């Protein structure tokens, strides 16, 4: 928060961002373009033949990945976490139904098992 000479609070300057979202981030490499959010998470990756869009939830956990090809066909993946922040499921969604699901079983911080249903 900014203040004037009398220490009265001023509104934050909207032109000044507290985080430089492009700092130390690859923008383009070998014809692939990368985009990031304010927290540094990659939110978009654009290549010649497909685009990857990523969405995040609290604690910067990946919630959804959407892969779109040149024909507009999308592959949609969704991710679920437990209360400890461990990924417990990833599933491919097609026509509002799960078509490919992987579940993760944990013992504390150690991954015990990974099972996939197709």
PDB file of N, CA and C in Angstrom:
ATOM      1  N   UNK A   1       0.849  -1.167   0.000  1.00  0.00           N
ATOM      2  CA  UNK A   1       0.000   0.000   0.000  1.00  0.00           C
ATOM      3  C   UNK A   1       0.894   1.229   0.000  1.00  0.00           C
ATOM      4  N   UNK A   2       0.553   2.196  -0.790  1.00  0.00           N
ATOM      5  CA  UNK A   2       1.286   3.452  -0.884  1.00  0.00           C
ATOM      6  C   UNK A   2       0.737   4.448   0.121  1.00  0.00           C
ATOM      7  N   UNK A   3       1.554   5.449   0.466  1.00  0.00           N
ATOM      8  CA  UNK A   3       1.062   6.515   1.343  1.00  0.00           C
ATOM      9  C   UNK A   3       1.629   7.846   0.871  1.00  0.00           C
ATOM     10  N   UNK A   4       0.951   8.926   1.238  1.00  0.00           N
ATOM     11  CA  UNK A   4       1.419  10.262   0.884  1.00  0.00           C
ATOM     12  C   UNK A   4       2.304  10.780   2.023  1.00  0.00           C
ATOM     13  N   UNK A   5       2.839  12.034   1.921  1.00  0.00           N
ATOM     14  CA  UNK A   5       3.736  12.545   2.968  1.00  0.00           C
ATOM     15  C   UNK A   5       3.117  12.583   4.366  1.00  0.00           C
ATOM     16  N   UNK A   6       1.799  12.597   4.487  1.00  0.00           N
ATOM     17  CA  UNK A   6       1.158  12.598   5.811  1.00  0.00           C
ATOM     18  C   UNK A   6       0.827  11.181   6.262  1.00  0.00           C
ATOM     19  N   UNK A   7       1.320  10.193   5.578  1.00  0.00           N
ATOM     20  CA  UNK A   7       1.114   8.781   5.852  1.00  0.00           C
ATOM     21  C   UNK A   7      -0.334   8.342   5.679  1.00  0.00           C
ATOM     22  N   UNK A   8      -1.086   9.085   4.912  1.00  0.00           N
ATOM     23  CA  UNK A   8      -2.452   8.680   4.589  1.00  0.00           C
ATOM     24  C   UNK A   8      -2.382   7.606   3.510  1.00  0.00           C
ATOM     25  N   UNK A   9      -3.122   6.536   3.676  1.00  0.00           N
ATOM     26  CA  UNK A   9      -3.052   5.470   2.670  1.00  0.00           C
ATOM     27  C   UNK A   9      -3.570   5.932   1.314  1.00  0.00           C
ATOM     28  N   UNK A  10      -2.882   5.495   0.291  1.00  0.00           N
ATOM     29  CA  UNK A  10      -3.289   5.755  -1.088  1.00  0.00           C
ATOM     30  C   UNK A  10      -3.661   4.426  -1.724  1.00  0.00           C
ATOM     31  N   UNK A  11      -4.436   4.483  -2.744  1.00  0.00           N
ATOM     32  CA  UNK A  11      -4.790   3.262  -3.470  1.00  0.00           C
ATOM     33  C   UNK A  11      -3.565   2.751  -4.214  1.00  0.00           C
ATOM     34  N   UNK A  12      -3.505   1.435  -4.355  1.00  0.00           N
ATOM     35  CA  UNK A  12      -2.409   0.829  -5.103  1.00  0.00           C
ATOM     36  C   UNK A  12      -2.442   1.287  -6.546  1.00  0.00           C
ATOM     37  N   UNK A  13      -1.267   1.449  -7.108  1.00  0.00           N
ATOM     38  CA  UNK A  13      -1.144   1.846  -8.505  1.00  0.00           C
ATOM     39  C   UNK A  13      -1.436   0.625  -9.373  1.00  0.00           C
ATOM     40  N   UNK A  14      -2.499   0.650 -10.182  1.00  0.00           N
ATOM     41  CA  UNK A  14      -2.839  -0.527 -11.000  1.00  0.00           C
ATOM     42  C   UNK A  14      -1.804  -0.831 -12.069  1.00  0.00           C
ATOM     43  N   UNK A  15      -0.932   0.132 -12.369  1.00  0.00           N
ATOM     44  CA  UNK A  15       0.094  -0.089 -13.389  1.00  0.00           C
ATOM     45  C   UNK A  15       1.278  -0.881 -12.840  1.00  0.00           C
ATOM     46  N   UNK A  16       1.379  -0.952 -11.514  1.00  0.00           N
ATOM     47  CA  UNK A  16       2.500  -1.649 -10.895  1.00  0.00           C
ATOM     48  C   UNK A  16       2.024  -3.014 -10.416  1.00  0.00           C
ATOM     49  N   UNK A  17       2.641  -4.055 -10.942  1.00  0.00           N
ATOM     50  CA  UNK A  17       2.292  -5.412 -10.529  1.00  0.00           C
ATOM     51  C   UNK A  17       3.322  -5.882  -9.509  1.00  0.00           C
ATOM     52  N   UNK A  18       2.905  -6.490  -8.396  1.00  0.00           N
ATOM     53  CA  UNK A  18       3.874  -6.956  -7.409  1.00  0.00           C
ATOM     54  C   UNK A  18       4.712  -8.133  -7.900  1.00  0.00           C
ATOM     55  N   UNK A  19       4.255  -8.780  -8.934  1.00  0.00           N
ATOM     56  CA  UNK A  19       4.969  -9.941  -9.463  1.00  0.00           C
ATOM     57  C   UNK A  19       5.253  -9.716 -10.941  1.00  0.00           C
ATOM     58  N   UNK A  20       6.506  -9.886 -11.322  1.00  0.00           N
ATOM     59  CA  UNK A  20       6.863  -9.814 -12.735  1.00  0.00           C
ATOM     60  C   UNK A  20       6.598 -11.188 -13.326  1.00  0.00           C
ATOM     61  N   UNK A  21       5.455 -11.342 -13.979  1.00  0.00           N
ATOM     62  CA  UNK A  21       5.041 -12.671 -14.433  1.00  0.00           C
ATOM     63  C   UNK A  21       5.898 -13.222 -15.562  1.00  0.00           C
ATOM     64  N   UNK A  22       6.710 -12.411 -16.195  1.00  0.00           N
ATOM     65  CA  UNK A  22       7.546 -12.901 -17.282  1.00  0.00           C
ATOM     66  C   UNK A  22       8.984 -13.154 -16.833  1.00  0.00           C
ATOM     67  N   UNK A  23       9.296 -12.848 -15.575  1.00  0.00           N
ATOM     68  CA  UNK A  23      10.667 -12.996 -15.093  1.00  0.00           C
ATOM     69  C   UNK A  23      11.118 -14.452 -15.170  1.00  0.00           C
ATOM     70  N   UNK A  24      12.246 -14.649 -15.809  1.00  0.00           N
ATOM     71  CA  UNK A  24      12.876 -15.962 -15.873  1.00  0.00           C
ATOM     72  C   UNK A  24      11.962 -17.043 -16.440  1.00  0.00           C
ATOM     73  N   UNK A  25      11.134 -16.686 -17.401  1.00  0.00           N
ATOM     74  CA  UNK A  25      10.222 -17.636 -18.028  1.00  0.00           C
ATOM     75  C   UNK A  25      10.516 -17.700 -19.525  1.00  0.00           C
ATOM     76  N   UNK A  26      10.509 -18.900 -20.067  1.00  0.00           N
ATOM     77  CA  UNK A  26      10.697 -19.079 -21.501  1.00  0.00           C
ATOM     78  C   UNK A  26       9.442 -18.586 -22.207  1.00  0.00           C
ATOM     79  N   UNK A  27       9.604 -17.696 -23.168  1.00  0.00           N
ATOM     80  CA  UNK A  27       8.466 -17.182 -23.932  1.00  0.00           C
ATOM     81  C   UNK A  27       8.265 -17.981 -25.217  1.00  0.00           C
ATOM     82  N   UNK A  28       9.352 -18.231 -25.929  1.00  0.00           N
ATOM     83  CA  UNK A  28       9.300 -18.997 -27.175  1.00  0.00           C
ATOM     84  C   UNK A  28      10.546 -19.861 -27.258  1.00  0.00           C
ATOM     85  N   UNK A  29      10.352 -21.125 -27.643  1.00  0.00           N
ATOM     86  CA  UNK A  29      11.476 -22.030 -27.814  1.00  0.00           C
ATOM     87  C   UNK A  29      11.119 -23.044 -28.882  1.00  0.00           C
ATOM     88  N   UNK A  30      11.960 -23.144 -29.906  1.00  0.00           N
ATOM     89  CA  UNK A  30      11.799 -24.081 -31.014  1.00  0.00           C
ATOM     90  C   UNK A  30      10.393 -24.030 -31.601  1.00  0.00           C
ATOM     91  N   UNK A  31       9.882 -22.824 -31.811  1.00  0.00           N
ATOM     92  CA  UNK A  31       8.584 -22.641 -32.445  1.00  0.00           C
ATOM     93  C   UNK A  31       7.391 -22.830 -31.527  1.00  0.00           C
ATOM     94  N   UNK A  32       7.628 -23.058 -30.250  1.00  0.00           N
ATOM     95  CA  UNK A  32       6.548 -23.229 -29.275  1.00  0.00           C
ATOM     96  C   UNK A  32       6.488 -21.979 -28.408  1.00  0.00           C
ATOM     97  N   UNK A  33       5.281 -21.436 -28.231  1.00  0.00           N
ATOM     98  CA  UNK A  33       5.079 -20.228 -27.432  1.00  0.00           C
ATOM     99  C   UNK A  33       4.434 -20.601 -26.107  1.00  0.00           C
ATOM    100  N   UNK A  34       4.943 -20.003 -25.026  1.00  0.00           N
ATOM    101  CA  UNK A  34       4.464 -20.284 -23.679  1.00  0.00           C
ATOM    102  C   UNK A  34       3.863 -19.024 -23.070  1.00  0.00           C
ATOM    103  N   UNK A  35       2.767 -19.192 -22.305  1.00  0.00           N
ATOM    104  CA  UNK A  35       2.115 -18.089 -21.599  1.00  0.00           C
ATOM    105  C   UNK A  35       1.978 -18.487 -20.129  1.00  0.00           C
ATOM    106  N   UNK A  36       2.105 -17.498 -19.226  1.00  0.00           N
ATOM    107  CA  UNK A  36       2.085 -17.758 -17.789  1.00  0.00           C
ATOM    108  C   UNK A  36       1.093 -16.840 -17.088  1.00  0.00           C
ATOM    109  N   UNK A  37       0.603 -17.281 -15.915  1.00  0.00           N
ATOM    110  CA  UNK A  37      -0.245 -16.405 -15.107  1.00  0.00           C
ATOM    111  C   UNK A  37       0.637 -15.570 -14.175  1.00  0.00           C
ATOM    112  N   UNK A  38       0.014 -14.771 -13.305  1.00  0.00           N
ATOM    113  CA  UNK A  38       0.743 -13.878 -12.419  1.00  0.00           C
ATOM    114  C   UNK A  38       1.599 -14.616 -11.397  1.00  0.00           C
ATOM    115  N   UNK A  39       1.293 -15.877 -11.143  1.00  0.00           N
ATOM    116  CA  UNK A  39       2.044 -16.667 -10.175  1.00  0.00           C
ATOM    117  C   UNK A  39       3.138 -17.504 -10.820  1.00  0.00           C
ATOM    118  N   UNK A  40       3.288 -17.397 -12.130  1.00  0.00           N
ATOM    119  CA  UNK A  40       4.325 -18.130 -12.831  1.00  0.00           C
ATOM    120  C   UNK A  40       3.904 -19.481 -13.360  1.00  0.00           C
ATOM    121  N   UNK A  41       2.650 -19.859 -13.178  1.00  0.00           N
ATOM    122  CA  UNK A  41       2.159 -21.129 -13.723  1.00  0.00           C
ATOM    123  C   UNK A  41       1.988 -21.015 -15.230  1.00  0.00           C
ATOM    124  N   UNK A  42       2.439 -22.022 -15.964  1.00  0.00           N
ATOM    125  CA  UNK A  42       2.187 -22.031 -17.397  1.00  0.00           C
ATOM    126  C   UNK A  42       0.695 -22.258 -17.613  1.00  0.00           C
ATOM    127  N   UNK A  43       0.048 -21.373 -18.354  1.00  0.00           N
ATOM    128  CA  UNK A  43      -1.390 -21.495 -18.599  1.00  0.00           C
ATOM    129  C   UNK A  43      -1.707 -21.824 -20.050  1.00  0.00           C
ATOM    130  N   UNK A  44      -0.723 -21.663 -20.928  1.00  0.00           N
ATOM    131  CA  UNK A  44      -0.971 -21.945 -22.342  1.00  0.00           C
ATOM    132  C   UNK A  44       0.353 -22.272 -23.033  1.00  0.00           C
ATOM    133  N   UNK A  45       0.283 -23.282 -23.901  1.00  0.00           N
ATOM    134  CA  UNK A  45       1.436 -23.683 -24.706  1.00  0.00           C
ATOM    135  C   UNK A  45       0.932 -23.866 -26.128  1.00  0.00           C
ATOM    136  N   UNK A  46       1.490 -23.096 -27.051  1.00  0.00           N
ATOM    137  CA  UNK A  46       1.021 -23.124 -28.436  1.00  0.00           C
ATOM    138  C   UNK A  46       2.119 -23.651 -29.354  1.00  0.00           C
ATOM    139  N   UNK A  47       1.811 -24.743 -30.041  1.00  0.00           N
ATOM    140  CA  UNK A  47       2.710 -25.315 -31.037  1.00  0.00           C
ATOM    141  C   UNK A  47       2.031 -25.232 -32.396  1.00  0.00           C
ATOM    142  N   UNK A  48       2.717 -25.708 -33.436  1.00  0.00           N
ATOM    143  CA  UNK A  48       2.149 -25.636 -34.787  1.00  0.00           C
ATOM    144  C   UNK A  48       0.871 -26.450 -34.930  1.00  0.00           C
ATOM    145  N   UNK A  49       0.843 -27.625 -34.319  1.00  0.00           N
ATOM    146  CA  UNK A  49      -0.279 -28.538 -34.558  1.00  0.00           C
ATOM    147  C   UNK A  49      -1.249 -28.694 -33.384  1.00  0.00           C
ATOM    148  N   UNK A  50      -0.939 -28.115 -32.223  1.00  0.00           N
ATOM    149  CA  UNK A  50      -1.865 -28.228 -31.088  1.00  0.00           C
ATOM    150  C   UNK A  50      -1.605 -27.144 -30.059  1.00  0.00           C
ATOM    151  N   UNK A  51      -2.621 -26.939 -29.220  1.00  0.00           N
ATOM    152  CA  UNK A  51      -2.548 -25.961 -28.137  1.00  0.00           C
ATOM    153  C   UNK A  51      -2.914 -26.651 -26.831  1.00  0.00           C
ATOM    154  N   UNK A  52      -2.159 -26.346 -25.790  1.00  0.00           N
ATOM    155  CA  UNK A  52      -2.432 -26.870 -24.457  1.00  0.00           C
ATOM    156  C   UNK A  52      -2.846 -25.707 -23.566  1.00  0.00           C
ATOM    157  N   UNK A  53      -4.027 -25.799 -22.945  1.00  0.00           N
ATOM    158  CA  UNK A  53      -4.504 -24.784 -22.002  1.00  0.00           C
ATOM    159  C   UNK A  53      -4.600 -25.431 -20.625  1.00  0.00           C
ATOM    160  N   UNK A  54      -4.046 -24.758 -19.611  1.00  0.00           N
ATOM    161  CA  UNK A  54      -4.019 -25.295 -18.258  1.00  0.00           C
ATOM    162  C   UNK A  54      -4.758 -24.367 -17.304  1.00  0.00           C
ATOM    163  N   UNK A  55      -5.557 -24.948 -16.403  1.00  0.00           N
ATOM    164  CA  UNK A  55      -6.287 -24.187 -15.385  1.00  0.00           C
ATOM    165  C   UNK A  55      -5.878 -24.701 -14.016  1.00  0.00           C
ATOM    166  N   UNK A  56      -5.761 -23.773 -13.061  1.00  0.00           N
ATOM    167  CA  UNK A  56      -5.292 -24.111 -11.720  1.00  0.00           C
ATOM    168  C   UNK A  56      -6.323 -23.744 -10.662  1.00  0.00           C
ATOM    169  N   UNK A  57      -6.244 -24.443  -9.511  1.00  0.00           N
ATOM    170  CA  UNK A  57      -7.083 -24.131  -8.355  1.00  0.00           C
ATOM    171  C   UNK A  57      -6.170 -23.618  -7.246  1.00  0.00           C
ATOM    172  N   UNK A  58      -6.677 -23.592  -6.028  1.00  0.00           N
ATOM    173  CA  UNK A  58      -5.890 -23.130  -4.888  1.00  0.00           C
ATOM    174  C   UNK A  58      -4.564 -23.862  -4.792  1.00  0.00           C
ATOM    175  N   UNK A  59      -3.607 -23.214  -4.181  1.00  0.00           N
ATOM    176  CA  UNK A  59      -2.269 -23.775  -3.993  1.00  0.00           C
ATOM    177  C   UNK A  59      -1.589 -24.113  -5.310  1.00  0.00           C
ATOM    178  N   UNK A  60      -2.009 -23.468  -6.377  1.00  0.00           N
ATOM    179  CA  UNK A  60      -1.421 -23.637  -7.706  1.00  0.00           C
ATOM    180  C   UNK A  60      -1.436 -25.094  -8.166  1.00  0.00           C
ATOM    181  N   UNK A  61      -2.495 -25.810  -7.830  1.00  0.00           N
ATOM    182  CA  UNK A  61      -2.634 -27.196  -8.259  1.00  0.00           C
ATOM    183  C   UNK A  61      -3.346 -27.237  -9.603  1.00  0.00           C
ATOM    184  N   UNK A  62      -2.827 -28.067 -10.493  1.00  0.00           N
ATOM    185  CA  UNK A  62      -3.427 -28.222 -11.809  1.00  0.00           C
ATOM    186  C   UNK A  62      -4.814 -28.834 -11.676  1.00  0.00           C
ATOM    187  N   UNK A  63      -5.829 -28.169 -12.238  1.00  0.00           N
ATOM    188  CA  UNK A  63      -7.205 -28.657 -12.156  1.00  0.00           C
ATOM    189  C   UNK A  63      -7.677 -29.232 -13.482  1.00  0.00           C
ATOM    190  N   UNK A  64      -7.210 -28.650 -14.594  1.00  0.00           N
ATOM    191  CA  UNK A  64      -7.709 -29.069 -15.899  1.00  0.00           C
ATOM    192  C   UNK A  64      -6.652 -28.801 -16.965  1.00  0.00           C
ATOM    193  N   UNK A  65      -6.566 -29.712 -17.911  1.00  0.00           N
ATOM    194  CA  UNK A  65      -5.711 -29.552 -19.083  1.00  0.00           C
ATOM    195  C   UNK A  65      -6.561 -29.834 -20.313  1.00  0.00           C
ATOM    196  N   UNK A  66      -6.542 -28.905 -21.260  1.00  0.00           N
ATOM    197  CA  UNK A  66      -7.308 -29.070 -22.493  1.00  0.00           C
ATOM    198  C   UNK A  66      -6.333 -28.991 -23.661  1.00  0.00           C
ATOM    199  N   UNK A  67      -6.278 -30.060 -24.441  1.00  0.00           N
ATOM    200  CA  UNK A  67      -5.413 -30.124 -25.620  1.00  0.00           C
ATOM    201  C   UNK A  67      -6.309 -30.002 -26.843  1.00  0.00           C
ATOM    202  N   UNK A  68      -6.029 -29.021 -27.688  1.00  0.00           N
ATOM    203  CA  UNK A  68      -6.832 -28.781 -28.885  1.00  0.00           C
ATOM    204  C   UNK A  68      -5.940 -28.911 -30.112  1.00  0.00           C
ATOM    205  N   UNK A  69      -6.376 -29.725 -31.089  1.00  0.00           N
ATOM    206  CA  UNK A  69      -5.589 -29.860 -32.315  1.00  0.00           C
ATOM    207  C   UNK A  69      -6.069 -28.860 -33.367  1.00  0.00           C
ATOM    208  N   UNK A  70      -5.457 -28.907 -34.538  1.00  0.00           N
ATOM    209  CA  UNK A  70      -5.787 -27.953 -35.606  1.00  0.00           C
ATOM    210  C   UNK A  70      -7.225 -28.064 -36.089  1.00  0.00           C
ATOM    211  N   UNK A  71      -7.829 -29.238 -35.950  1.00  0.00           N
ATOM    212  CA  UNK A  71      -9.210 -29.436 -36.394  1.00  0.00           C
ATOM    213  C   UNK A  71     -10.221 -29.000 -35.334  1.00  0.00           C
ATOM    214  N   UNK A  72      -9.733 -28.556 -34.169  1.00  0.00           N
ATOM    215  CA  UNK A  72     -10.626 -28.130 -33.098  1.00  0.00           C
ATOM    216  C   UNK A  72     -11.063 -29.253 -32.182  1.00  0.00           C
ATOM    217  N   UNK A  73     -10.513 -30.443 -32.383  1.00  0.00           N
ATOM    218  CA  UNK A  73     -10.852 -31.581 -31.522  1.00  0.00           C
ATOM    219  C   UNK A  73     -10.117 -31.419 -30.194  1.00  0.00           C
ATOM    220  N   UNK A  74     -10.866 -31.559 -29.100  1.00  0.00           N
ATOM    221  CA  UNK A  74     -10.294 -31.341 -27.782  1.00  0.00           C
ATOM    222  C   UNK A  74     -10.159 -32.628 -26.983  1.00  0.00           C
ATOM    223  N   UNK A  75      -9.075 -32.686 -26.232  1.00  0.00           N
ATOM    224  CA  UNK A  75      -8.849 -33.742 -25.251  1.00  0.00           C
ATOM    225  C   UNK A  75      -8.860 -33.035 -23.897  1.00  0.00           C
ATOM    226  N   UNK A  76      -9.784 -33.412 -23.016  1.00  0.00           N
ATOM    227  CA  UNK A  76      -9.996 -32.712 -21.754  1.00  0.00           C
ATOM    228  C   UNK A  76      -9.613 -33.614 -20.585  1.00  0.00           C
ATOM    229  N   UNK A  77      -8.671 -33.155 -19.759  1.00  0.00           N
ATOM    230  CA  UNK A  77      -8.239 -33.898 -18.578  1.00  0.00           C
ATOM    231  C   UNK A  77      -8.565 -33.087 -17.335  1.00  0.00           C
ATOM    232  N   UNK A  78      -9.075 -33.758 -16.289  1.00  0.00           N
ATOM    233  CA  UNK A  78      -9.370 -33.091 -15.024  1.00  0.00           C
ATOM    234  C   UNK A  78      -8.633 -33.801 -13.899  1.00  0.00           C
ATOM    235  N   UNK A  79      -8.215 -33.016 -12.901  1.00  0.00           N
ATOM    236  CA  UNK A  79      -7.394 -33.526 -11.807  1.00  0.00           C
ATOM    237  C   UNK A  79      -8.073 -33.248 -10.473  1.00  0.00           C
ATOM    238  N   UNK A  80      -7.996 -34.220  -9.546  1.00  0.00           N
ATOM    239  CA  UNK A  80      -8.625 -34.113  -8.232  1.00  0.00           C
ATOM    240  C   UNK A  80      -7.570 -34.353  -7.156  1.00  0.00           C
ATOM    241  N   UNK A  81      -7.687 -33.614  -6.047  1.00  0.00           N
ATOM    242  CA  UNK A  81      -6.728 -33.690  -4.947  1.00  0.00           C
ATOM    243  C   UNK A  81      -7.451 -33.973  -3.638  1.00  0.00           C
ATOM    244  N   UNK A  82      -6.730 -34.580  -2.683  1.00  0.00           N
ATOM    245  CA  UNK A  82      -7.315 -34.783  -1.357  1.00  0.00           C
ATOM    246  C   UNK A  82      -7.026 -33.557  -0.489  1.00  0.00           C
ATOM    247  N   UNK A  83      -7.453 -33.606   0.776  1.00  0.00           N
ATOM    248  CA  UNK A  83      -7.292 -32.446   1.659  1.00  0.00           C
ATOM    249  C   UNK A  83      -5.832 -32.150   1.974  1.00  0.00           C
ATOM    250  N   UNK A  84      -4.943 -33.098   1.720  1.00  0.00           N
ATOM    251  CA  UNK A  84      -3.525 -32.895   1.961  1.00  0.00           C
ATOM    252  C   UNK A  84      -2.797 -32.364   0.726  1.00  0.00           C
ATOM    253  N   UNK A  85      -3.530 -32.140  -0.354  1.00  0.00           N
ATOM    254  CA  UNK A  85      -2.943 -31.602  -1.574  1.00  0.00           C
ATOM    255  C   UNK A  85      -2.330 -32.649  -2.481  1.00  0.00           C
ATOM    256  N   UNK A  86      -2.572 -33.920  -2.192  1.00  0.00           N
ATOM    257  CA  UNK A  86      -2.019 -34.983  -3.037  1.00  0.00           C
ATOM    258  C   UNK A  86      -2.992 -35.275  -4.170  1.00  0.00           C
ATOM    259  N   UNK A  87      -2.451 -35.431  -5.372  1.00  0.00           N
ATOM    260  CA  UNK A  87      -3.320 -35.779  -6.506  1.00  0.00           C
ATOM    261  C   UNK A  87      -3.828 -37.201  -6.303  1.00  0.00           C
ATOM    262  N   UNK A  88      -5.145 -37.350  -6.337  1.00  0.00           N
ATOM    263  CA  UNK A  88      -5.727 -38.679  -6.131  1.00  0.00           C
ATOM    264  C   UNK A  88      -6.404 -39.217  -7.387  1.00  0.00           C
ATOM    265  N   UNK A  89      -6.614 -38.345  -8.381  1.00  0.00           N
ATOM    266  CA  UNK A  89      -7.281 -38.818  -9.601  1.00  0.00           C
ATOM    267  C   UNK A  89      -6.969 -37.879 -10.762  1.00  0.00           C
ATOM    268  N   UNK A  90      -6.811 -38.490 -11.915  1.00  0.00           N
ATOM    269  CA  UNK A  90      -6.821 -37.725 -13.163  1.00  0.00           C
ATOM    270  C   UNK A  90      -7.716 -38.497 -14.112  1.00  0.00           C
ATOM    271  N   UNK A  91      -8.554 -37.771 -14.826  1.00  0.00           N
ATOM    272  CA  UNK A  91      -9.474 -38.457 -15.731  1.00  0.00           C
ATOM    273  C   UNK A  91      -9.696 -37.649 -16.994  1.00  0.00           C
ATOM    274  N   UNK A  92      -9.810 -38.407 -18.073  1.00  0.00           N
ATOM    275  CA  UNK A  92     -10.130 -37.806 -19.360  1.00  0.00           C
ATOM    276  C   UNK A  92     -11.644 -37.752 -19.468  1.00  0.00           C
ATOM    277  N   UNK A  93     -12.161 -36.577 -19.803  1.00  0.00           N
ATOM    278  CA  UNK A  93     -13.601 -36.371 -19.898  1.00  0.00           C
ATOM    279  C   UNK A  93     -13.979 -36.215 -21.368  1.00  0.00           C
ATOM    280  N   UNK A  94     -14.991 -36.987 -21.788  1.00  0.00           N
ATOM    281  CA  UNK A  94     -15.509 -36.883 -23.151  1.00  0.00           C
ATOM    282  C   UNK A  94     -17.026 -36.962 -23.070  1.00  0.00           C
ATOM    283  N   UNK A  95     -17.717 -35.960 -23.609  1.00  0.00           N
ATOM    284  CA  UNK A  95     -19.190 -35.894 -23.542  1.00  0.00           C
ATOM    285  C   UNK A  95     -19.701 -36.033 -22.108  1.00  0.00           C
ATOM    286  N   UNK A  96     -19.065 -35.306 -21.187  1.00  0.00           N
ATOM    287  CA  UNK A  96     -19.436 -35.278 -19.766  1.00  0.00           C
ATOM    288  C   UNK A  96     -19.326 -36.632 -19.072  1.00  0.00           C
ATOM    289  N   UNK A  97     -18.541 -37.541 -19.618  1.00  0.00           N
ATOM    290  CA  UNK A  97     -18.329 -38.849 -18.995  1.00  0.00           C
ATOM    291  C   UNK A  97     -16.835 -39.149 -18.944  1.00  0.00           C
ATOM    292  N   UNK A  98     -16.426 -39.847 -17.906  1.00  0.00           N
ATOM    293  CA  UNK A  98     -15.030 -40.224 -17.756  1.00  0.00           C
ATOM    294  C   UNK A  98     -14.721 -41.387 -18.695  1.00  0.00           C
ATOM    295  N   UNK A  99     -13.706 -41.230 -19.546  1.00  0.00           N
ATOM    296  CA  UNK A  99     -13.353 -42.288 -20.489  1.00  0.00           C
ATOM    297  C   UNK A  99     -12.022 -42.945 -20.158  1.00  0.00           C
ATOM    298  N   UNK A 100     -11.207 -42.283 -19.373  1.00  0.00           N
ATOM    299  CA  UNK A 100      -9.893 -42.795 -19.024  1.00  0.00           C
ATOM    300  C   UNK A 100      -9.566 -42.229 -17.648  1.00  0.00           C
ATOM    301  N   UNK A 101      -9.470 -43.094 -16.635  1.00  0.00           N
ATOM    302  CA  UNK A 101      -9.284 -42.602 -15.269  1.00  0.00           C
ATOM    303  C   UNK A 101      -8.091 -43.279 -14.623  1.00  0.00           C
ATOM    304  N   UNK A 102      -7.254 -42.483 -13.959  1.00  0.00           N
ATOM    305  CA  UNK A 102      -6.142 -42.991 -13.174  1.00  0.00           C
ATOM    306  C   UNK A 102      -6.335 -42.524 -11.741  1.00  0.00           C
ATOM    307  N   UNK A 103      -6.246 -43.457 -10.791  1.00  0.00           N
ATOM    308  CA  UNK A 103      -6.368 -43.112  -9.377  1.00  0.00           C
ATOM    309  C   UNK A 103      -5.053 -43.406  -8.673  1.00  0.00           C
ATOM    310  N   UNK A 104      -4.739 -42.567  -7.687  1.00  0.00           N
ATOM    311  CA  UNK A 104      -3.487 -42.664  -6.952  1.00  0.00           C
ATOM    312  C   UNK A 104      -3.792 -42.950  -5.486  1.00  0.00           C
ATOM    313  N   UNK A 105      -3.114 -43.947  -4.912  1.00  0.00           N
ATOM    314  CA  UNK A 105      -3.264 -44.318  -3.507  1.00  0.00           C
ATOM    315  C   UNK A 105      -1.974 -43.918  -2.790  1.00  0.00           C
ATOM    316  N   UNK A 106      -2.130 -43.202  -1.676  1.00  0.00           N
ATOM    317  CA  UNK A 106      -0.990 -42.655  -0.953  1.00  0.00           C
ATOM    318  C   UNK A 106      -0.869 -43.248   0.445  1.00  0.00           C
ATOM    319  N   UNK A 107       0.360 -43.322   0.941  1.00  0.00           N
ATOM    320  CA  UNK A 107       0.659 -43.607   2.343  1.00  0.00           C
ATOM    321  C   UNK A 107       1.528 -42.454   2.816  1.00  0.00           C
ATOM    322  N   UNK A 108       0.899 -41.463   3.429  1.00  0.00           N
ATOM    323  CA  UNK A 108       1.630 -40.246   3.776  1.00  0.00           C
ATOM    324  C   UNK A 108       2.056 -39.543   2.504  1.00  0.00           C
ATOM    325  N   UNK A 109       3.351 -39.261   2.386  1.00  0.00           N
ATOM    326  CA  UNK A 109       3.866 -38.588   1.198  1.00  0.00           C
ATOM    327  C   UNK A 109       4.335 -39.576   0.132  1.00  0.00           C
ATOM    328  N   UNK A 110       4.178 -40.876   0.401  1.00  0.00           N
ATOM    329  CA  UNK A 110       4.667 -41.891  -0.534  1.00  0.00           C
ATOM    330  C   UNK A 110       3.521 -42.444  -1.376  1.00  0.00           C
ATOM    331  N   UNK A 111       3.710 -42.435  -2.687  1.00  0.00           N
ATOM    332  CA  UNK A 111       2.726 -43.011  -3.604  1.00  0.00           C
ATOM    333  C   UNK A 111       2.836 -44.530  -3.539  1.00  0.00           C
ATOM    334  N   UNK A 112       1.730 -45.191  -3.167  1.00  0.00           N
ATOM    335  CA  UNK A 112       1.725 -46.650  -3.049  1.00  0.00           C
ATOM    336  C   UNK A 112       1.278 -47.345  -4.319  1.00  0.00           C
ATOM    337  N   UNK A 113       0.250 -46.778  -4.952  1.00  0.00           N
ATOM    338  CA  UNK A 113      -0.346 -47.477  -6.091  1.00  0.00           C
ATOM    339  C   UNK A 113      -0.943 -46.476  -7.069  1.00  0.00           C
ATOM    340  N   UNK A 114      -0.874 -46.853  -8.325  1.00  0.00           N
ATOM    341  CA  UNK A 114      -1.492 -46.085  -9.407  1.00  0.00           C
ATOM    342  C   UNK A 114      -2.264 -47.073 -10.269  1.00  0.00           C
ATOM    343  N   UNK A 115      -3.575 -46.863 -10.403  1.00  0.00           N
ATOM    344  CA  UNK A 115      -4.397 -47.763 -11.212  1.00  0.00           C
ATOM    345  C   UNK A 115      -5.088 -46.968 -12.309  1.00  0.00           C
ATOM    346  N   UNK A 116      -5.206 -47.588 -13.481  1.00  0.00           N
ATOM    347  CA  UNK A 116      -5.820 -46.918 -14.624  1.00  0.00           C
ATOM    348  C   UNK A 116      -6.961 -47.756 -15.166  1.00  0.00           C
ATOM    349  N   UNK A 117      -8.112 -47.113 -15.375  1.00  0.00           N
ATOM    350  CA  UNK A 117      -9.276 -47.727 -16.020  1.00  0.00           C
ATOM    351  C   UNK A 117      -9.450 -47.072 -17.372  1.00  0.00           C
ATOM    352  N   UNK A 118      -9.574 -47.884 -18.409  1.00  0.00           N
ATOM    353  CA  UNK A 118      -9.784 -47.326 -19.750  1.00  0.00           C
ATOM    354  C   UNK A 118     -11.088 -47.806 -20.299  1.00  0.00           C
TER     355      UNK A 118
END
